[in-house]
PDB file of N, CA and C in Angstrom:
ATOM      1  N   MET A   1      -4.665   2.606  -4.041  1.00  0.00           N
ATOM      2  CA  MET A   1      -5.990   2.517  -3.702  1.00  0.00           C
ATOM      3  C   MET A   1      -5.473   2.558  -2.174  1.00  0.00           C
ATOM      4  N   HIS A   2      -5.388   2.189  -1.299  1.00  0.00           N
ATOM      5  CA  HIS A   2      -4.715   2.434   0.030  1.00  0.00           C
ATOM      6  C   HIS A   2      -4.395   3.790   0.557  1.00  0.00           C
ATOM      7  N   ASP A   3      -3.845   4.290  -0.044  1.00  0.00           N
ATOM      8  CA  ASP A   3      -3.329   6.254   0.184  1.00  0.00           C
ATOM      9  C   ASP A   3      -4.395   7.374  -0.007  1.00  0.00           C
ATOM     10  N   SER A   4      -5.308   6.644  -1.326  1.00  0.00           N
ATOM     11  CA  SER A   4      -5.938   7.854  -1.968  1.00  0.00           C
ATOM     12  C   SER A   4      -7.688   7.939  -1.652  1.00  0.00           C
ATOM     13  N   THR A   5      -7.896   6.482  -1.300  1.00  0.00           N
ATOM     14  CA  THR A   5      -9.212   6.568  -1.156  1.00  0.00           C
ATOM     15  C   THR A   5      -9.939   7.221   0.455  1.00  0.00           C
ATOM     16  N   THR A   6     -10.986   7.883   0.072  1.00  0.00           N
ATOM     17  CA  THR A   6     -11.456   8.273   0.984  1.00  0.00           C
ATOM     18  C   THR A   6     -12.941   7.834   1.714  1.00  0.00           C
ATOM     19  N   SER A   7     -13.599   6.658   0.746  1.00  0.00           N
ATOM     20  CA  SER A   7     -14.598   5.963   1.129  1.00  0.00           C
ATOM     21  C   SER A   7     -14.555   4.650   0.311  1.00  0.00           C
ATOM     22  N   MET A   8     -15.947   3.756   0.962  1.00  0.00           N
ATOM     23  CA  MET A   8     -15.648   2.331   0.358  1.00  0.00           C
ATOM     24  C   MET A   8     -17.475   2.267   0.534  1.00  0.00           C
ATOM     25  N   ASP A   9     -17.875   1.609  -0.317  1.00  0.00           N
ATOM     26  CA  ASP A   9     -19.117   0.609  -0.027  1.00  0.00           C
ATOM     27  C   ASP A   9     -18.691  -0.707  -0.801  1.00  0.00           C
ATOM     28  N   ILE A  10     -19.642  -1.672  -0.145  1.00  0.00           N
ATOM     29  CA  ILE A  10     -19.097  -3.049  -0.298  1.00  0.00           C
ATOM     30  C   ILE A  10     -20.768  -3.912   0.060  1.00  0.00           C
ATOM     31  N   VAL A  11     -20.920  -4.676  -1.144  1.00  0.00           N
ATOM     32  CA  VAL A  11     -22.273  -5.227  -1.320  1.00  0.00           C
ATOM     33  C   VAL A  11     -21.858  -6.620  -1.385  1.00  0.00           C
ATOM     34  N   MET A  12     -22.543  -7.051  -0.553  1.00  0.00           N
ATOM     35  CA  MET A  12     -22.413  -8.740  -0.250  1.00  0.00           C
ATOM     36  C   MET A  12     -23.252  -9.394  -0.879  1.00  0.00           C
ATOM     37  N   TYR A  13     -23.486 -10.468  -1.689  1.00  0.00           N
ATOM     38  CA  TYR A  13     -24.256 -11.489  -2.202  1.00  0.00           C
ATOM     39  C   TYR A  13     -24.802 -12.613  -1.557  1.00  0.00           C
ATOM     40  N   GLN A  14     -24.102 -13.375  -0.922  1.00  0.00           N
ATOM     41  CA  GLN A  14     -24.067 -14.551  -0.494  1.00  0.00           C
ATOM     42  C   GLN A  14     -24.992 -14.201   0.805  1.00  0.00           C
ATOM     43  N   GLY A  15     -25.584 -15.553   1.290  1.00  0.00           N
ATOM     44  CA  GLY A  15     -26.771 -15.679   2.477  1.00  0.00           C
ATOM     45  C   GLY A  15     -27.582 -14.382   1.603  1.00  0.00           C
ATOM     46  N   LYS A  16     -27.563 -13.619   2.889  1.00  0.00           N
ATOM     47  CA  LYS A  16     -28.958 -12.813   2.697  1.00  0.00           C
ATOM     48  C   LYS A  16     -29.032 -11.351   2.168  1.00  0.00           C
ATOM     49  N   GLY A  17     -27.330 -11.307   1.921  1.00  0.00           N
ATOM     50  CA  GLY A  17     -26.996 -10.249   1.521  1.00  0.00           C
ATOM     51  C   GLY A  17     -26.683  -9.279   2.223  1.00  0.00           C
ATOM     52  N   GLY A  18     -26.419  -8.302   1.785  1.00  0.00           N
ATOM     53  CA  GLY A  18     -26.592  -6.963   2.740  1.00  0.00           C
ATOM     54  C   GLY A  18     -25.063  -5.959   1.974  1.00  0.00           C
ATOM     55  N   SER A  19     -25.016  -4.934   2.759  1.00  0.00           N
ATOM     56  CA  SER A  19     -23.919  -4.071   2.390  1.00  0.00           C
ATOM     57  C   SER A  19     -23.165  -3.348   3.647  1.00  0.00           C
ATOM     58  N   MET A  20     -22.346  -2.664   3.606  1.00  0.00           N
ATOM     59  CA  MET A  20     -21.652  -1.039   4.704  1.00  0.00           C
ATOM     60  C   MET A  20     -20.856  -0.342   3.457  1.00  0.00           C
ATOM     61  N   SER A  21     -20.621   0.842   4.195  1.00  0.00           N
ATOM     62  CA  SER A  21     -20.223   1.657   3.770  1.00  0.00           C
ATOM     63  C   SER A  21     -19.088   2.591   4.871  1.00  0.00           C
ATOM     64  N   LEU A  22     -17.802   2.571   4.194  1.00  0.00           N
ATOM     65  CA  LEU A  22     -17.144   2.712   5.554  1.00  0.00           C
ATOM     66  C   LEU A  22     -16.510   4.536   5.017  1.00  0.00           C
ATOM     67  N   ASP A  23     -15.974   4.980   5.656  1.00  0.00           N
ATOM     68  CA  ASP A  23     -15.070   6.282   5.264  1.00  0.00           C
ATOM     69  C   ASP A  23     -14.261   6.564   6.373  1.00  0.00           C
ATOM     70  N   GLY A  24     -13.512   8.086   5.894  1.00  0.00           N
ATOM     71  CA  GLY A  24     -12.234   8.099   6.360  1.00  0.00           C
ATOM     72  C   GLY A  24     -11.213   7.218   6.816  1.00  0.00           C
ATOM     73  N   ARG A  25     -10.713   7.027   8.173  1.00  0.00           N
ATOM     74  CA  ARG A  25      -9.741   6.051   8.485  1.00  0.00           C
ATOM     75  C   ARG A  25     -10.314   4.714   8.842  1.00  0.00           C
ATOM     76  N   ASN A  26     -11.459   4.116   8.338  1.00  0.00           N
ATOM     77  CA  ASN A  26     -12.229   3.489   8.856  1.00  0.00           C
ATOM     78  C   ASN A  26     -11.646   2.641   6.948  1.00  0.00           C
ATOM     79  N   VAL A  27     -11.506   3.204   6.401  1.00  0.00           N
ATOM     80  CA  VAL A  27     -11.023   3.077   5.126  1.00  0.00           C
ATOM     81  C   VAL A  27      -9.952   2.644   4.803  1.00  0.00           C
ATOM     82  N   LYS A  28      -8.757   2.919   5.472  1.00  0.00           N
ATOM     83  CA  LYS A  28      -7.250   2.614   5.555  1.00  0.00           C
ATOM     84  C   LYS A  28      -7.291   1.410   6.487  1.00  0.00           C
ATOM     85  N   LEU A  29      -8.051   1.161   7.547  1.00  0.00           N
ATOM     86  CA  LEU A  29      -8.176   0.226   8.130  1.00  0.00           C
ATOM     87  C   LEU A  29      -8.589  -0.960   7.597  1.00  0.00           C
ATOM     88  N   PHE A  30      -9.570  -0.654   6.803  1.00  0.00           N
ATOM     89  CA  PHE A  30     -10.146  -2.164   6.112  1.00  0.00           C
ATOM     90  C   PHE A  30      -9.320  -2.246   5.116  1.00  0.00           C
ATOM     91  N   ASN A  31      -8.752  -1.397   4.215  1.00  0.00           N
ATOM     92  CA  ASN A  31      -7.648  -1.679   3.420  1.00  0.00           C
ATOM     93  C   ASN A  31      -6.634  -2.571   3.910  1.00  0.00           C
ATOM     94  N   ASN A  32      -6.075  -2.672   4.987  1.00  0.00           N
ATOM     95  CA  ASN A  32      -5.377  -3.918   5.401  1.00  0.00           C
ATOM     96  C   ASN A  32      -5.924  -5.188   5.267  1.00  0.00           C
ATOM     97  N   LEU A  33      -6.628  -5.345   4.851  1.00  0.00           N
ATOM     98  CA  LEU A  33      -7.618  -6.272   4.652  1.00  0.00           C
ATOM     99  C   LEU A  33      -6.853  -7.267   3.138  1.00  0.00           C
ATOM    100  N   PHE A  34      -6.328  -6.346   2.897  1.00  0.00           N
ATOM    101  CA  PHE A  34      -5.502  -6.422   1.140  1.00  0.00           C
ATOM    102  C   PHE A  34      -4.634  -6.690   0.924  1.00  0.00           C
ATOM    103  N   GLU A  35      -4.172  -7.551   0.372  1.00  0.00           N
ATOM    104  CA  GLU A  35      -2.176  -7.371   0.246  1.00  0.00           C
ATOM    105  C   GLU A  35      -2.355  -7.234  -1.349  1.00  0.00           C
ATOM    106  N   ASN A  36      -1.286  -6.183  -1.086  1.00  0.00           N
ATOM    107  CA  ASN A  36      -0.593  -5.731  -2.697  1.00  0.00           C
ATOM    108  C   ASN A  36      -0.270  -6.847  -3.647  1.00  0.00           C
ATOM    109  N   LYS A  37      -0.561  -7.825  -3.321  1.00  0.00           N
ATOM    110  CA  LYS A  37       0.322  -9.019  -4.298  1.00  0.00           C
ATOM    111  C   LYS A  37      -1.081  -9.825  -4.993  1.00  0.00           C
ATOM    112  N   THR A  38      -0.567 -10.110  -6.286  1.00  0.00           N
ATOM    113  CA  THR A  38      -1.235 -10.742  -6.871  1.00  0.00           C
ATOM    114  C   THR A  38      -1.817 -12.606  -6.306  1.00  0.00           C
ATOM    115  N   ALA A  39      -3.221 -12.347  -7.275  1.00  0.00           N
ATOM    116  CA  ALA A  39      -3.418 -13.890  -6.661  1.00  0.00           C
ATOM    117  C   ALA A  39      -4.046 -14.421  -7.591  1.00  0.00           C
ATOM    118  N   ALA A  40      -4.148 -16.068  -7.641  1.00  0.00           N
ATOM    119  CA  ALA A  40      -4.412 -16.873  -8.884  1.00  0.00           C
ATOM    120  C   ALA A  40      -6.139 -16.591  -8.561  1.00  0.00           C
ATOM    121  N   LYS A  41      -6.767 -16.837  -9.773  1.00  0.00           N
ATOM    122  CA  LYS A  41      -8.553 -17.077  -9.882  1.00  0.00           C
ATOM    123  C   LYS A  41      -8.510 -17.970  -9.349  1.00  0.00           C
ATOM    124  N   THR A  42      -9.403 -18.679  -8.418  1.00  0.00           N
ATOM    125  CA  THR A  42     -10.048 -19.974  -8.374  1.00  0.00           C
ATOM    126  C   THR A  42     -11.667 -20.169  -8.755  1.00  0.00           C
ATOM    127  N   LYS A  43     -11.951 -21.196  -8.318  1.00  0.00           N
ATOM    128  CA  LYS A  43     -13.578 -21.365  -8.400  1.00  0.00           C
ATOM    129  C   LYS A  43     -14.540 -21.039  -7.372  1.00  0.00           C
ATOM    130  N   ALA A  44     -13.695 -20.372  -6.490  1.00  0.00           N
ATOM    131  CA  ALA A  44     -14.369 -19.631  -5.269  1.00  0.00           C
ATOM    132  C   ALA A  44     -15.756 -18.973  -5.923  1.00  0.00           C
ATOM    133  N   PRO A  45     -17.310 -18.995  -4.841  1.00  0.00           N
ATOM    134  CA  PRO A  45     -18.178 -17.928  -5.575  1.00  0.00           C
ATOM    135  C   PRO A  45     -17.947 -16.789  -5.365  1.00  0.00           C
ATOM    136  N   LEU A  46     -18.566 -16.217  -6.165  1.00  0.00           N
ATOM    137  CA  LEU A  46     -18.695 -14.410  -6.452  1.00  0.00           C
ATOM    138  C   LEU A  46     -19.163 -14.269  -4.796  1.00  0.00           C
ATOM    139  N   ALA A  47     -18.893 -13.382  -4.320  1.00  0.00           N
ATOM    140  CA  ALA A  47     -19.384 -13.186  -2.704  1.00  0.00           C
ATOM    141  C   ALA A  47     -19.656 -11.372  -2.883  1.00  0.00           C
ATOM    142  N   GLY A  48     -19.474 -10.990  -3.875  1.00  0.00           N
ATOM    143  CA  GLY A  48     -19.764  -9.453  -3.793  1.00  0.00           C
ATOM    144  C   GLY A  48     -19.299  -8.670  -4.171  1.00  0.00           C
ATOM    145  N   ASN A  49     -19.427  -7.795  -4.019  1.00  0.00           N
ATOM    146  CA  ASN A  49     -18.674  -6.065  -4.845  1.00  0.00           C
ATOM    147  C   ASN A  49     -18.041  -5.067  -4.049  1.00  0.00           C
ATOM    148  N   MET A  50     -17.346  -4.259  -4.661  1.00  0.00           N
ATOM    149  CA  MET A  50     -16.852  -3.433  -4.044  1.00  0.00           C
ATOM    150  C   MET A  50     -16.738  -1.998  -4.423  1.00  0.00           C
ATOM    151  N   MET A  51     -16.678  -0.825  -3.847  1.00  0.00           N
ATOM    152  CA  MET A  51     -16.178   0.488  -5.152  1.00  0.00           C
ATOM    153  C   MET A  51     -15.495   1.203  -3.777  1.00  0.00           C
ATOM    154  N   TRP A  52     -14.420   1.450  -4.391  1.00  0.00           N
ATOM    155  CA  TRP A  52     -13.439   2.472  -3.395  1.00  0.00           C
ATOM    156  C   TRP A  52     -13.894   4.213  -4.493  1.00  0.00           C
ATOM    157  N   LEU A  53     -13.594   5.016  -3.356  1.00  0.00           N
ATOM    158  CA  LEU A  53     -14.334   6.297  -4.109  1.00  0.00           C
ATOM    159  C   LEU A  53     -13.309   7.146  -3.501  1.00  0.00           C
ATOM    160  N   VAL A  54     -13.025   8.427  -4.260  1.00  0.00           N
ATOM    161  CA  VAL A  54     -12.392   9.329  -3.873  1.00  0.00           C
ATOM    162  C   VAL A  54     -12.680  10.754  -3.819  1.00  0.00           C
ATOM    163  N   ASN A  55     -13.695  11.243  -2.424  1.00  0.00           N
ATOM    164  CA  ASN A  55     -14.176  12.393  -2.281  1.00  0.00           C
ATOM    165  C   ASN A  55     -15.655  12.341  -3.446  1.00  0.00           C
ATOM    166  N   GLY A  56     -16.496  11.249  -2.927  1.00  0.00           N
ATOM    167  CA  GLY A  56     -17.747  10.666  -3.122  1.00  0.00           C
ATOM    168  C   GLY A  56     -17.877  10.041  -4.809  1.00  0.00           C
ATOM    169  N   ARG A  57     -16.568  10.095  -5.964  1.00  0.00           N
ATOM    170  CA  ARG A  57     -16.608   9.719  -6.561  1.00  0.00           C
ATOM    171  C   ARG A  57     -15.562   8.381  -6.954  1.00  0.00           C
ATOM    172  N   GLU A  58     -16.874   7.090  -8.110  1.00  0.00           N
ATOM    173  CA  GLU A  58     -15.998   5.850  -8.245  1.00  0.00           C
ATOM    174  C   GLU A  58     -14.193   6.613  -8.459  1.00  0.00           C
ATOM    175  N   PHE A  59     -13.801   5.752  -7.571  1.00  0.00           N
ATOM    176  CA  PHE A  59     -12.462   5.226  -8.494  1.00  0.00           C
ATOM    177  C   PHE A  59     -11.884   4.081  -8.946  1.00  0.00           C
ATOM    178  N   VAL A  60     -12.344   3.021  -8.194  1.00  0.00           N
ATOM    179  CA  VAL A  60     -12.173   1.893  -9.217  1.00  0.00           C
ATOM    180  C   VAL A  60     -13.126   1.085  -8.094  1.00  0.00           C
ATOM    181  N   SER A  61     -14.067  -0.463  -8.823  1.00  0.00           N
ATOM    182  CA  SER A  61     -14.585  -1.360  -8.133  1.00  0.00           C
ATOM    183  C   SER A  61     -14.770  -2.747  -9.033  1.00  0.00           C
ATOM    184  N   GLY A  62     -14.971  -3.621  -8.293  1.00  0.00           N
ATOM    185  CA  GLY A  62     -14.068  -4.944  -8.320  1.00  0.00           C
ATOM    186  C   GLY A  62     -15.140  -6.068  -7.850  1.00  0.00           C
ATOM    187  N   ASN A  63     -15.121  -6.957  -8.103  1.00  0.00           N
ATOM    188  CA  ASN A  63     -16.423  -8.081  -7.683  1.00  0.00           C
ATOM    189  C   ASN A  63     -15.097  -8.720  -6.485  1.00  0.00           C
ATOM    190  N   TYR A  64     -15.547  -9.590  -5.588  1.00  0.00           N
ATOM    191  CA  TYR A  64     -14.491 -10.170  -4.663  1.00  0.00           C
ATOM    192  C   TYR A  64     -15.141 -11.731  -4.239  1.00  0.00           C
ATOM    193  N   PHE A  65     -14.335 -12.249  -4.125  1.00  0.00           N
ATOM    194  CA  PHE A  65     -14.566 -14.091  -4.001  1.00  0.00           C
ATOM    195  C   PHE A  65     -13.818 -14.352  -2.741  1.00  0.00           C
ATOM    196  N   LEU A  66     -14.291 -15.577  -1.837  1.00  0.00           N
ATOM    197  CA  LEU A  66     -14.181 -15.835  -0.947  1.00  0.00           C
ATOM    198  C   LEU A  66     -13.549 -17.408  -0.767  1.00  0.00           C
ATOM    199  N   GLY A  67     -12.433 -17.758  -0.701  1.00  0.00           N
ATOM    200  CA  GLY A  67     -12.512 -19.063  -0.494  1.00  0.00           C
ATOM    201  C   GLY A  67     -12.236 -19.549   1.170  1.00  0.00           C
ATOM    202  N   ASP A  68     -11.545 -20.885   1.223  1.00  0.00           N
ATOM    203  CA  ASP A  68     -11.660 -21.274   2.664  1.00  0.00           C
ATOM    204  C   ASP A  68     -10.636 -20.974   3.431  1.00  0.00           C
ATOM    205  N   SER A  69      -9.461 -20.144   3.327  1.00  0.00           N
ATOM    206  CA  SER A  69      -8.913 -19.535   4.245  1.00  0.00           C
ATOM    207  C   SER A  69      -8.284 -17.730   3.469  1.00  0.00           C
ATOM    208  N   THR A  70      -8.056 -17.570   2.061  1.00  0.00           N
ATOM    209  CA  THR A  70      -8.026 -16.532   1.590  1.00  0.00           C
ATOM    210  C   THR A  70      -8.979 -16.171   0.645  1.00  0.00           C
ATOM    211  N   GLY A  71      -9.032 -15.360   0.056  1.00  0.00           N
ATOM    212  CA  GLY A  71      -9.941 -14.822  -1.088  1.00  0.00           C
ATOM    213  C   GLY A  71      -9.406 -14.056  -1.957  1.00  0.00           C
ATOM    214  N   TYR A  72      -9.658 -13.231  -3.016  1.00  0.00           N
ATOM    215  CA  TYR A  72      -9.595 -12.330  -3.557  1.00  0.00           C
ATOM    216  C   TYR A  72     -10.277 -11.462  -4.429  1.00  0.00           C
ATOM    217  N   VAL A  73      -9.995 -10.219  -4.680  1.00  0.00           N
ATOM    218  CA  VAL A  73     -10.643  -8.987  -5.471  1.00  0.00           C
ATOM    219  C   VAL A  73     -10.033  -8.603  -7.038  1.00  0.00           C
ATOM    220  N   VAL A  74     -11.350  -8.944  -7.694  1.00  0.00           N
ATOM    221  CA  VAL A  74     -10.695  -8.942  -9.130  1.00  0.00           C
ATOM    222  C   VAL A  74     -11.306  -7.221  -9.891  1.00  0.00           C
ATOM    223  N   PHE A  75     -10.474  -6.256 -10.132  1.00  0.00           N
ATOM    224  CA  PHE A  75     -10.694  -5.186 -10.750  1.00  0.00           C
ATOM    225  C   PHE A  75     -10.105  -4.596 -11.830  1.00  0.00           C
ATOM    226  N   GLN A  76     -10.669  -3.409 -12.545  1.00  0.00           N
ATOM    227  CA  GLN A  76      -9.858  -3.222 -13.862  1.00  0.00           C
ATOM    228  C   GLN A  76      -9.532  -1.876 -13.371  1.00  0.00           C
ATOM    229  N   LEU A  77      -8.534  -1.355 -13.875  1.00  0.00           N
ATOM    230  CA  LEU A  77      -7.819  -0.127 -13.898  1.00  0.00           C
ATOM    231  C   LEU A  77      -7.158   0.282 -14.825  1.00  0.00           C
ATOM    232  N   ASN A  78      -7.581   1.683 -15.659  1.00  0.00           N
ATOM    233  CA  ASN A  78      -7.149   1.901 -16.723  1.00  0.00           C
ATOM    234  C   ASN A  78      -6.702   0.852 -17.846  1.00  0.00           C
ATOM    235  N   GLY A  79      -7.676   0.284 -17.813  1.00  0.00           N
ATOM    236  CA  GLY A  79      -7.611  -1.123 -18.788  1.00  0.00           C
ATOM    237  C   GLY A  79      -7.242  -1.896 -18.592  1.00  0.00           C
ATOM    238  N   LYS A  80      -6.925  -2.475 -17.280  1.00  0.00           N
ATOM    239  CA  LYS A  80      -6.147  -3.864 -16.875  1.00  0.00           C
ATOM    240  C   LYS A  80      -6.336  -4.118 -15.786  1.00  0.00           C
ATOM    241  N   GLU A  81      -7.056  -5.691 -16.046  1.00  0.00           N
ATOM    242  CA  GLU A  81      -7.320  -6.408 -14.917  1.00  0.00           C
ATOM    243  C   GLU A  81      -6.383  -6.438 -13.929  1.00  0.00           C
ATOM    244  N   TYR A  82      -6.607  -6.512 -12.432  1.00  0.00           N
ATOM    245  CA  TYR A  82      -5.825  -6.915 -11.629  1.00  0.00           C
ATOM    246  C   TYR A  82      -6.659  -7.844 -10.337  1.00  0.00           C
ATOM    247  N   VAL A  83      -5.692  -8.635  -9.794  1.00  0.00           N
ATOM    248  CA  VAL A  83      -6.526  -9.726  -9.234  1.00  0.00           C
ATOM    249  C   VAL A  83      -5.396  -9.370  -8.013  1.00  0.00           C
ATOM    250  N   ASN A  84      -5.908  -9.258  -6.929  1.00  0.00           N
ATOM    251  CA  ASN A  84      -5.264  -8.804  -5.626  1.00  0.00           C
ATOM    252  C   ASN A  84      -5.524  -9.871  -4.398  1.00  0.00           C
ATOM    253  N   LEU A  85      -4.793 -10.123  -3.659  1.00  0.00           N
ATOM    254  CA  LEU A  85      -5.009 -11.404  -2.344  1.00  0.00           C
ATOM    255  C   LEU A  85      -5.667 -10.201  -0.964  1.00  0.00           C
ATOM    256  N   ILE A  86      -7.112 -11.002  -1.022  1.00  0.00           N
ATOM    257  CA  ILE A  86      -7.936 -10.586   0.380  1.00  0.00           C
ATOM    258  C   ILE A  86      -7.068 -11.735   1.918  1.00  0.00           C
ATOM    259  N   ASN A  87      -6.254 -11.157   2.193  1.00  0.00           N
ATOM    260  CA  ASN A  87      -5.698 -11.826   3.489  1.00  0.00           C
ATOM    261  C   ASN A  87      -7.020 -13.015   4.058  1.00  0.00           C
ATOM    262  N   ALA A  88      -5.905 -13.632   4.887  1.00  0.00           N
ATOM    263  CA  ALA A  88      -6.855 -14.846   5.698  1.00  0.00           C
ATOM    264  C   ALA A  88      -7.996 -14.135   6.942  1.00  0.00           C
ATOM    265  N   GLN A  89      -6.931 -12.796   7.438  1.00  0.00           N
ATOM    266  CA  GLN A  89      -8.248 -11.756   8.405  1.00  0.00           C
ATOM    267  C   GLN A  89      -9.285 -11.547   7.556  1.00  0.00           C
ATOM    268  N   GLY A  90      -8.920 -10.707   6.079  1.00  0.00           N
ATOM    269  CA  GLY A  90      -9.798 -10.082   5.275  1.00  0.00           C
ATOM    270  C   GLY A  90     -11.094 -11.483   5.090  1.00  0.00           C
ATOM    271  N   ASN A  91     -10.650 -12.238   4.560  1.00  0.00           N
ATOM    272  CA  ASN A  91     -11.566 -13.687   4.401  1.00  0.00           C
ATOM    273  C   ASN A  91     -12.198 -14.120   5.624  1.00  0.00           C
ATOM    274  N   SER A  92     -11.542 -13.967   6.792  1.00  0.00           N
ATOM    275  CA  SER A  92     -12.395 -14.305   7.688  1.00  0.00           C
ATOM    276  C   SER A  92     -13.594 -13.066   8.096  1.00  0.00           C
ATOM    277  N   PHE A  93     -13.124 -12.254   7.964  1.00  0.00           N
ATOM    278  CA  PHE A  93     -14.075 -11.167   7.982  1.00  0.00           C
ATOM    279  C   PHE A  93     -15.290 -10.898   7.346  1.00  0.00           C
ATOM    280  N   PHE A  94     -15.198 -11.364   5.852  1.00  0.00           N
ATOM    281  CA  PHE A  94     -16.075 -11.580   5.352  1.00  0.00           C
ATOM    282  C   PHE A  94     -16.914 -12.668   5.191  1.00  0.00           C
ATOM    283  N   LYS A  95     -16.583 -13.553   5.303  1.00  0.00           N
ATOM    284  CA  LYS A  95     -17.553 -14.761   5.701  1.00  0.00           C
ATOM    285  C   LYS A  95     -18.014 -14.576   6.703  1.00  0.00           C
ATOM    286  N   GLY A  96     -17.878 -13.643   7.935  1.00  0.00           N
ATOM    287  CA  GLY A  96     -18.594 -13.518   9.313  1.00  0.00           C
ATOM    288  C   GLY A  96     -19.745 -12.442   9.017  1.00  0.00           C
ATOM    289  N   GLN A  97     -19.868 -11.912   7.831  1.00  0.00           N
ATOM    290  CA  GLN A  97     -20.794 -10.935   7.273  1.00  0.00           C
ATOM    291  C   GLN A  97     -21.925 -11.366   6.959  1.00  0.00           C
ATOM    292  N   ILE A  98     -21.852 -12.764   6.469  1.00  0.00           N
ATOM    293  CA  ILE A  98     -22.501 -13.544   5.703  1.00  0.00           C
ATOM    294  C   ILE A  98     -23.842 -13.485   6.494  1.00  0.00           C
ATOM    295  N   LYS A  99     -25.078 -13.090   6.389  1.00  0.00           N
ATOM    296  CA  LYS A  99     -26.023 -13.625   7.071  1.00  0.00           C
ATOM    297  C   LYS A  99     -26.971 -14.494   6.385  1.00  0.00           C
ATOM    298  N   GLN A 100     -27.426 -15.418   7.076  1.00  0.00           N
ATOM    299  CA  GLN A 100     -27.939 -16.429   6.864  1.00  0.00           C
ATOM    300  C   GLN A 100     -29.268 -16.797   6.760  1.00  0.00           C
TER     301      GLN A 100
END
């Protein structure tokens, strides 16, 4: 996912909501907010949805959840569920985007 996606759409459900779209190298920079590490699901509230695209076509999408210091994203790929860690910097970024 880090190397193959060319754009990304993010929808925020918390607060007043919102969305953002990224493309090109901004996607590569943004993907640094995620770790290629499995995270445990918690009772963190659903914060939004993300979709990674390759040349305008959906590659994978999933929901993300924000905790106190880190978060996680849950997505399905080839019939298997993955739960990846959103690092502290990513969690802080997403929380900063919540409009009250």
